[in-house]
Amino acid sequence: MILDDIIVDDDGDPRPFMVLLGLVVLVLVIAIAVVLPGEMVPDEVAVRAMEAHGYHNVQVLERNVLDTTTCEHSTAVKFDVRAQDQFGNVIEGLYVCVGYSSGAAIRSY
């Protein structure tokens, strides 16, 4: 069979190129599985969470999919935000952690 000739050599051992290709594909699948869920969360989720706690004029400054260490382990994405409180003070150093099943949590630095 032609496919067998590509994947294995005459001795039946896997070809090094195919092993390397398999590892590359595995790394890509893992990377997509880690990053994609966080990229699917819209900024509006963070804005609504802030507004539900009395903040307004909410601005999403940055989206962090890979750097969620300051959030819980089930966090998909962390949004750095700036907003105004009920007294009109601009509050910086806030972030919203959005989890797979835990919803959104507001934290501060």
C-alpha atoms as a PDB file:
ATOM      1  CA  MET A   1       0.000   0.000   0.000  1.00  0.00           C
ATOM      2  CA  ILE A   2       1.322   3.452  -0.873  1.00  0.00           C
ATOM      3  CA  LEU A   3       0.512   5.030   2.501  1.00  0.00           C
ATOM      4  CA  ASP A   4       2.513   2.354   4.323  1.00  0.00           C
ATOM      5  CA  ASP A   5       5.557   3.218   2.185  1.00  0.00           C
ATOM      6  CA  ILE A   6       5.300   6.860   3.243  1.00  0.00           C
ATOM      7  CA  ILE A   7       4.815   6.229   6.967  1.00  0.00           C
ATOM      8  CA  VAL A   8       7.201   3.312   7.578  1.00  0.00           C
ATOM      9  CA  ASP A   9      10.500   2.252   6.038  1.00  0.00           C
ATOM     10  CA  ASP A  10      11.365  -1.183   4.619  1.00  0.00           C
ATOM     11  CA  ASP A  11      12.018  -2.591   8.104  1.00  0.00           C
ATOM     12  CA  GLY A  12       8.604  -1.507   9.367  1.00  0.00           C
ATOM     13  CA  ASP A  13      10.022   1.271  11.559  1.00  0.00           C
ATOM     14  CA  PRO A  14       8.348   4.694  11.526  1.00  0.00           C
ATOM     15  CA  ARG A  15      10.117   7.265   9.392  1.00  0.00           C
ATOM     16  CA  PRO A  16      11.634  10.092  11.515  1.00  0.00           C
ATOM     17  CA  PHE A  17       9.890  12.739   9.426  1.00  0.00           C
ATOM     18  CA  MET A  18       6.496  11.191  10.129  1.00  0.00           C
ATOM     19  CA  VAL A  19       7.227  11.046  13.866  1.00  0.00           C
ATOM     20  CA  LEU A  20       8.198  14.724  13.813  1.00  0.00           C
ATOM     21  CA  LEU A  21       5.102  15.589  11.798  1.00  0.00           C
ATOM     22  CA  GLY A  22       2.938  13.734  14.302  1.00  0.00           C
ATOM     23  CA  LEU A  23       4.477  15.677  17.185  1.00  0.00           C
ATOM     24  CA  VAL A  24       3.926  18.994  15.395  1.00  0.00           C
ATOM     25  CA  VAL A  25       0.292  18.138  14.774  1.00  0.00           C
ATOM     26  CA  LEU A  26      -0.149  17.135  18.423  1.00  0.00           C
ATOM     27  CA  VAL A  27       1.342  20.429  19.644  1.00  0.00           C
ATOM     28  CA  LEU A  28      -0.915  22.406  17.298  1.00  0.00           C
ATOM     29  CA  VAL A  29      -4.026  20.575  18.480  1.00  0.00           C
ATOM     30  CA  ILE A  30      -3.139  21.204  22.129  1.00  0.00           C
ATOM     31  CA  ALA A  31      -2.407  24.894  21.439  1.00  0.00           C
ATOM     32  CA  ILE A  32      -5.723  25.347  19.660  1.00  0.00           C
ATOM     33  CA  ALA A  33      -7.595  23.557  22.452  1.00  0.00           C
ATOM     34  CA  VAL A  34      -6.049  25.893  25.055  1.00  0.00           C
ATOM     35  CA  VAL A  35      -6.367  29.199  23.193  1.00  0.00           C
ATOM     36  CA  LEU A  36      -9.598  28.842  21.218  1.00  0.00           C
ATOM     37  CA  PRO A  37     -12.105  28.815  24.105  1.00  0.00           C
ATOM     38  CA  GLY A  38     -10.751  32.117  25.435  1.00  0.00           C
ATOM     39  CA  GLU A  39     -10.824  33.700  22.009  1.00  0.00           C
ATOM     40  CA  MET A  40     -14.493  32.809  21.677  1.00  0.00           C
ATOM     41  CA  VAL A  41     -15.490  34.947  24.693  1.00  0.00           C
ATOM     42  CA  PRO A  42     -16.604  38.435  23.555  1.00  0.00           C
ATOM     43  CA  ASP A  43     -15.428  41.608  25.334  1.00  0.00           C
ATOM     44  CA  GLU A  44     -19.076  42.338  26.111  1.00  0.00           C
ATOM     45  CA  VAL A  45     -19.031  39.649  28.816  1.00  0.00           C
ATOM     46  CA  ALA A  46     -16.482  41.669  30.808  1.00  0.00           C
ATOM     47  CA  VAL A  47     -18.369  44.926  30.206  1.00  0.00           C
ATOM     48  CA  ARG A  48     -21.666  43.416  31.415  1.00  0.00           C
ATOM     49  CA  ALA A  49     -20.000  41.970  34.525  1.00  0.00           C
ATOM     50  CA  MET A  50     -18.574  45.384  35.419  1.00  0.00           C
ATOM     51  CA  GLU A  51     -21.865  47.163  34.770  1.00  0.00           C
ATOM     52  CA  ALA A  52     -23.712  44.632  36.949  1.00  0.00           C
ATOM     53  CA  HIS A  53     -21.498  45.743  39.849  1.00  0.00           C
ATOM     54  CA  GLY A  54     -22.211  49.453  39.396  1.00  0.00           C
ATOM     55  CA  TYR A  55     -19.355  50.486  37.105  1.00  0.00           C
ATOM     56  CA  HIS A  56     -19.949  52.441  33.902  1.00  0.00           C
ATOM     57  CA  ASN A  57     -17.919  53.716  30.926  1.00  0.00           C
ATOM     58  CA  VAL A  58     -16.124  50.366  30.954  1.00  0.00           C
ATOM     59  CA  GLN A  59     -13.193  50.024  28.571  1.00  0.00           C
ATOM     60  CA  VAL A  60     -11.502  46.720  27.840  1.00  0.00           C
ATOM     61  CA  LEU A  61      -7.783  47.496  27.694  1.00  0.00           C
ATOM     62  CA  GLU A  62      -6.374  44.057  27.033  1.00  0.00           C
ATOM     63  CA  ARG A  63      -7.440  40.459  26.524  1.00  0.00           C
ATOM     64  CA  ASN A  64      -5.192  37.734  27.971  1.00  0.00           C
ATOM     65  CA  VAL A  65      -5.848  34.165  26.932  1.00  0.00           C
ATOM     66  CA  LEU A  66      -2.538  32.642  27.970  1.00  0.00           C
ATOM     67  CA  ASP A  67      -1.706  34.762  31.041  1.00  0.00           C
ATOM     68  CA  THR A  68      -4.542  33.906  33.404  1.00  0.00           C
ATOM     69  CA  THR A  69      -2.341  33.090  36.401  1.00  0.00           C
ATOM     70  CA  THR A  70      -3.985  35.706  38.618  1.00  0.00           C
ATOM     71  CA  CYS A  71      -7.374  34.065  38.063  1.00  0.00           C
ATOM     72  CA  GLU A  72      -8.769  30.669  38.997  1.00  0.00           C
ATOM     73  CA  HIS A  73      -7.470  27.578  37.210  1.00  0.00           C
ATOM     74  CA  SER A  74     -10.656  27.211  35.137  1.00  0.00           C
ATOM     75  CA  THR A  75     -10.361  30.709  33.639  1.00  0.00           C
ATOM     76  CA  ALA A  76     -10.578  30.886  29.847  1.00  0.00           C
ATOM     77  CA  VAL A  77      -9.694  34.573  29.438  1.00  0.00           C
ATOM     78  CA  LYS A  78      -8.715  37.576  31.554  1.00  0.00           C
ATOM     79  CA  PHE A  79      -9.767  41.091  30.528  1.00  0.00           C
ATOM     80  CA  ASP A  80      -7.861  44.111  31.872  1.00  0.00           C
ATOM     81  CA  VAL A  81     -10.414  46.902  32.211  1.00  0.00           C
ATOM     82  CA  ARG A  82     -10.785  50.557  33.198  1.00  0.00           C
ATOM     83  CA  ALA A  83     -14.121  51.901  34.428  1.00  0.00           C
ATOM     84  CA  GLN A  84     -15.817  54.653  36.414  1.00  0.00           C
ATOM     85  CA  ASP A  85     -17.378  53.934  39.777  1.00  0.00           C
ATOM     86  CA  GLN A  86     -20.680  55.359  41.010  1.00  0.00           C
ATOM     87  CA  PHE A  87     -18.885  58.545  42.180  1.00  0.00           C
ATOM     88  CA  GLY A  88     -17.326  59.218  38.772  1.00  0.00           C
ATOM     89  CA  ASN A  89     -13.803  58.162  39.768  1.00  0.00           C
ATOM     90  CA  VAL A  90     -11.832  56.383  37.065  1.00  0.00           C
ATOM     91  CA  ILE A  91     -10.689  53.061  38.440  1.00  0.00           C
ATOM     92  CA  GLU A  92      -7.740  51.266  36.866  1.00  0.00           C
ATOM     93  CA  GLY A  93      -6.073  48.014  37.837  1.00  0.00           C
ATOM     94  CA  LEU A  94      -9.239  45.973  37.502  1.00  0.00           C
ATOM     95  CA  TYR A  95      -9.567  42.749  35.596  1.00  0.00           C
ATOM     96  CA  VAL A  96     -12.375  40.352  34.839  1.00  0.00           C
ATOM     97  CA  CYS A  97     -11.747  36.608  34.845  1.00  0.00           C
ATOM     98  CA  VAL A  98     -14.168  34.652  32.682  1.00  0.00           C
ATOM     99  CA  GLY A  99     -14.258  30.921  33.326  1.00  0.00           C
ATOM    100  CA  TYR A 100     -15.515  27.940  31.404  1.00  0.00           C
ATOM    101  CA  SER A 101     -18.321  27.305  33.852  1.00  0.00           C
ATOM    102  CA  SER A 102     -17.855  29.850  36.652  1.00  0.00           C
ATOM    103  CA  GLY A 103     -19.019  32.991  34.872  1.00  0.00           C
ATOM    104  CA  ALA A 104     -17.180  36.294  35.349  1.00  0.00           C
ATOM    105  CA  ALA A 105     -15.337  37.489  38.448  1.00  0.00           C
ATOM    106  CA  ILE A 106     -13.989  41.006  39.012  1.00  0.00           C
ATOM    107  CA  ARG A 107     -10.563  41.310  40.610  1.00  0.00           C
ATOM    108  CA  SER A 108      -8.104  44.123  41.267  1.00  0.00           C
ATOM    109  CA  TYR A 109      -4.321  44.283  41.245  1.00  0.00           C
END
